[in-house]
């Protein structure tokens, strides 16, 4: 009886480990990054006075992320345009709800600001 319990526990643990490894591997695929890009835009756009656009998400997502063709537009004008944004970060203690950015590279940052009375 004890051997059966140990056998099922080992089998369950092994199956969970395989599923976890599969999920971690899936986060490194282009289809997951496209899903993530769409989800991020869907969540963030209601919080901006305009529309955020992200061309592509790259990086391993565990400690680096590389965004290309990032733009924030309002009406028919582009407010901010970034060709390439690279962030190297440490997640650290997520219970504290913060993370540490080690490196931030911004390539070709353009602002288009105006004032209305």
C-alpha atoms as a PDB file:
ATOM      1  CA  UNK A   1       0.000   0.000   0.000  1.00  0.00           C
ATOM      2  CA  UNK A   2       2.779   2.432   0.912  1.00  0.00           C
ATOM      3  CA  UNK A   3       4.610   1.595  -2.314  1.00  0.00           C
ATOM      4  CA  UNK A   4       1.485   2.523  -4.329  1.00  0.00           C
ATOM      5  CA  UNK A   5       1.200   5.882  -2.550  1.00  0.00           C
ATOM      6  CA  UNK A   6       4.878   6.660  -3.133  1.00  0.00           C
ATOM      7  CA  UNK A   7       4.540   5.541  -6.762  1.00  0.00           C
ATOM      8  CA  UNK A   8       1.549   7.860  -7.365  1.00  0.00           C
ATOM      9  CA  UNK A   9       3.225  10.766  -5.576  1.00  0.00           C
ATOM     10  CA  UNK A  10       6.364  10.387  -7.686  1.00  0.00           C
ATOM     11  CA  UNK A  11       4.242  10.078 -10.834  1.00  0.00           C
ATOM     12  CA  UNK A  12       2.214  13.180  -9.923  1.00  0.00           C
ATOM     13  CA  UNK A  13       5.344  15.175  -9.084  1.00  0.00           C
ATOM     14  CA  UNK A  14       6.969  14.093 -12.355  1.00  0.00           C
ATOM     15  CA  UNK A  15       3.894  15.070 -14.367  1.00  0.00           C
ATOM     16  CA  UNK A  16       3.719  18.485 -12.681  1.00  0.00           C
ATOM     17  CA  UNK A  17       7.420  19.002 -13.366  1.00  0.00           C
ATOM     18  CA  UNK A  18       6.953  18.165 -17.059  1.00  0.00           C
ATOM     19  CA  UNK A  19       3.993  20.569 -17.321  1.00  0.00           C
ATOM     20  CA  UNK A  20       6.007  23.335 -15.610  1.00  0.00           C
ATOM     21  CA  UNK A  21       8.979  22.817 -17.936  1.00  0.00           C
ATOM     22  CA  UNK A  22       6.608  22.869 -20.897  1.00  0.00           C
ATOM     23  CA  UNK A  23       5.067  26.155 -19.760  1.00  0.00           C
ATOM     24  CA  UNK A  24       8.490  27.711 -19.212  1.00  0.00           C
ATOM     25  CA  UNK A  25       9.543  26.580 -22.687  1.00  0.00           C
ATOM     26  CA  UNK A  26       6.322  27.992 -24.189  1.00  0.00           C
ATOM     27  CA  UNK A  27       7.149  31.459 -22.832  1.00  0.00           C
ATOM     28  CA  UNK A  28      10.186  31.481 -25.127  1.00  0.00           C
ATOM     29  CA  UNK A  29       8.144  31.035 -28.334  1.00  0.00           C
ATOM     30  CA  UNK A  30       7.034  33.686 -30.809  1.00  0.00           C
ATOM     31  CA  UNK A  31       3.372  32.752 -30.373  1.00  0.00           C
ATOM     32  CA  UNK A  32       3.536  33.413 -26.617  1.00  0.00           C
ATOM     33  CA  UNK A  33       5.269  36.755 -27.179  1.00  0.00           C
ATOM     34  CA  UNK A  34       2.561  37.778 -29.644  1.00  0.00           C
ATOM     35  CA  UNK A  35      -0.105  36.700 -27.147  1.00  0.00           C
ATOM     36  CA  UNK A  36       1.700  38.730 -24.462  1.00  0.00           C
ATOM     37  CA  UNK A  37       1.957  41.786 -26.727  1.00  0.00           C
ATOM     38  CA  UNK A  38      -1.775  41.731 -27.472  1.00  0.00           C
ATOM     39  CA  UNK A  39      -2.635  41.163 -23.805  1.00  0.00           C
ATOM     40  CA  UNK A  40      -0.375  44.019 -22.617  1.00  0.00           C
ATOM     41  CA  UNK A  41      -1.930  46.415 -25.127  1.00  0.00           C
ATOM     42  CA  UNK A  42      -5.433  45.341 -24.143  1.00  0.00           C
ATOM     43  CA  UNK A  43      -4.689  45.951 -20.449  1.00  0.00           C
ATOM     44  CA  UNK A  44      -2.706  49.199 -20.775  1.00  0.00           C
ATOM     45  CA  UNK A  45      -4.566  51.116 -23.494  1.00  0.00           C
ATOM     46  CA  UNK A  46      -7.570  52.044 -21.294  1.00  0.00           C
ATOM     47  CA  UNK A  47      -5.147  53.741 -18.874  1.00  0.00           C
ATOM     48  CA  UNK A  48      -3.612  56.066 -21.478  1.00  0.00           C
ATOM     49  CA  UNK A  49      -5.044  59.188 -23.009  1.00  0.00           C
ATOM     50  CA  UNK A  50      -4.242  57.749 -26.412  1.00  0.00           C
ATOM     51  CA  UNK A  51      -3.220  54.436 -27.906  1.00  0.00           C
ATOM     52  CA  UNK A  52      -0.085  52.471 -27.088  1.00  0.00           C
ATOM     53  CA  UNK A  53       1.450  50.346 -29.851  1.00  0.00           C
ATOM     54  CA  UNK A  54       4.221  47.767 -29.543  1.00  0.00           C
ATOM     55  CA  UNK A  55       5.711  46.258 -32.678  1.00  0.00           C
ATOM     56  CA  UNK A  56       7.498  43.246 -31.232  1.00  0.00           C
ATOM     57  CA  UNK A  57       8.476  41.730 -27.871  1.00  0.00           C
ATOM     58  CA  UNK A  58      11.778  39.864 -27.585  1.00  0.00           C
ATOM     59  CA  UNK A  59      14.060  38.698 -24.775  1.00  0.00           C
ATOM     60  CA  UNK A  60      13.779  35.845 -22.327  1.00  0.00           C
ATOM     61  CA  UNK A  61      11.170  37.703 -20.197  1.00  0.00           C
ATOM     62  CA  UNK A  62      12.688  36.377 -16.945  1.00  0.00           C
ATOM     63  CA  UNK A  63      15.338  39.086 -16.706  1.00  0.00           C
ATOM     64  CA  UNK A  64      15.430  40.859 -20.095  1.00  0.00           C
ATOM     65  CA  UNK A  65      12.851  42.325 -22.416  1.00  0.00           C
ATOM     66  CA  UNK A  66      13.358  44.071 -25.736  1.00  0.00           C
ATOM     67  CA  UNK A  67      10.501  46.064 -27.251  1.00  0.00           C
ATOM     68  CA  UNK A  68      10.645  47.432 -30.787  1.00  0.00           C
ATOM     69  CA  UNK A  69       8.531  50.093 -32.477  1.00  0.00           C
ATOM     70  CA  UNK A  70       6.876  51.418 -29.330  1.00  0.00           C
ATOM     71  CA  UNK A  71       4.575  54.379 -29.890  1.00  0.00           C
ATOM     72  CA  UNK A  72       2.005  56.354 -27.949  1.00  0.00           C
ATOM     73  CA  UNK A  73      -0.458  58.185 -30.168  1.00  0.00           C
ATOM     74  CA  UNK A  74      -3.281  60.582 -29.438  1.00  0.00           C
ATOM     75  CA  UNK A  75      -5.859  61.201 -32.143  1.00  0.00           C
ATOM     76  CA  UNK A  76      -3.806  61.485 -35.326  1.00  0.00           C
ATOM     77  CA  UNK A  77      -0.530  62.569 -33.675  1.00  0.00           C
ATOM     78  CA  UNK A  78       2.283  60.432 -32.298  1.00  0.00           C
ATOM     79  CA  UNK A  79       3.230  61.724 -28.853  1.00  0.00           C
ATOM     80  CA  UNK A  80       6.141  59.339 -28.132  1.00  0.00           C
ATOM     81  CA  UNK A  81       7.985  57.041 -30.495  1.00  0.00           C
ATOM     82  CA  UNK A  82      10.768  54.634 -29.481  1.00  0.00           C
ATOM     83  CA  UNK A  83      12.509  52.474 -32.068  1.00  0.00           C
ATOM     84  CA  UNK A  84      14.037  50.100 -29.528  1.00  0.00           C
ATOM     85  CA  UNK A  85      13.663  49.710 -25.761  1.00  0.00           C
ATOM     86  CA  UNK A  86      15.834  47.178 -23.912  1.00  0.00           C
ATOM     87  CA  UNK A  87      15.429  46.501 -20.189  1.00  0.00           C
ATOM     88  CA  UNK A  88      17.562  44.192 -18.051  1.00  0.00           C
ATOM     89  CA  UNK A  89      15.913  43.676 -14.676  1.00  0.00           C
ATOM     90  CA  UNK A  90      15.819  41.536 -11.532  1.00  0.00           C
ATOM     91  CA  UNK A  91      12.446  40.406 -10.281  1.00  0.00           C
ATOM     92  CA  UNK A  92      13.738  40.078  -6.737  1.00  0.00           C
ATOM     93  CA  UNK A  93      11.040  39.873  -4.108  1.00  0.00           C
ATOM     94  CA  UNK A  94       7.709  40.084  -5.907  1.00  0.00           C
ATOM     95  CA  UNK A  95       5.877  40.047  -2.582  1.00  0.00           C
ATOM     96  CA  UNK A  96       7.215  43.579  -2.077  1.00  0.00           C
ATOM     97  CA  UNK A  97       5.648  44.485  -5.462  1.00  0.00           C
ATOM     98  CA  UNK A  98       8.801  45.929  -6.982  1.00  0.00           C
ATOM     99  CA  UNK A  99      11.648  44.934  -9.238  1.00  0.00           C
ATOM    100  CA  UNK A 100      15.083  46.391  -9.916  1.00  0.00           C
ATOM    101  CA  UNK A 101      16.095  47.680 -13.342  1.00  0.00           C
ATOM    102  CA  UNK A 102      19.798  47.075 -13.942  1.00  0.00           C
ATOM    103  CA  UNK A 103      20.024  48.368 -17.513  1.00  0.00           C
ATOM    104  CA  UNK A 104      17.742  50.528 -19.629  1.00  0.00           C
ATOM    105  CA  UNK A 105      18.626  51.301 -23.250  1.00  0.00           C
ATOM    106  CA  UNK A 106      16.396  53.550 -25.312  1.00  0.00           C
ATOM    107  CA  UNK A 107      17.256  53.926 -28.971  1.00  0.00           C
ATOM    108  CA  UNK A 108      15.794  56.745 -31.037  1.00  0.00           C
ATOM    109  CA  UNK A 109      13.378  58.400 -28.615  1.00  0.00           C
ATOM    110  CA  UNK A 110      11.151  61.067 -30.201  1.00  0.00           C
ATOM    111  CA  UNK A 111       8.679  63.334 -28.393  1.00  0.00           C
ATOM    112  CA  UNK A 112       6.006  65.428 -30.041  1.00  0.00           C
ATOM    113  CA  UNK A 113       4.603  67.699 -27.334  1.00  0.00           C
ATOM    114  CA  UNK A 114       2.177  70.575 -27.761  1.00  0.00           C
ATOM    115  CA  UNK A 115       0.213  72.955 -25.604  1.00  0.00           C
ATOM    116  CA  UNK A 116      -3.474  73.811 -25.975  1.00  0.00           C
ATOM    117  CA  UNK A 117      -5.342  76.683 -24.303  1.00  0.00           C
END
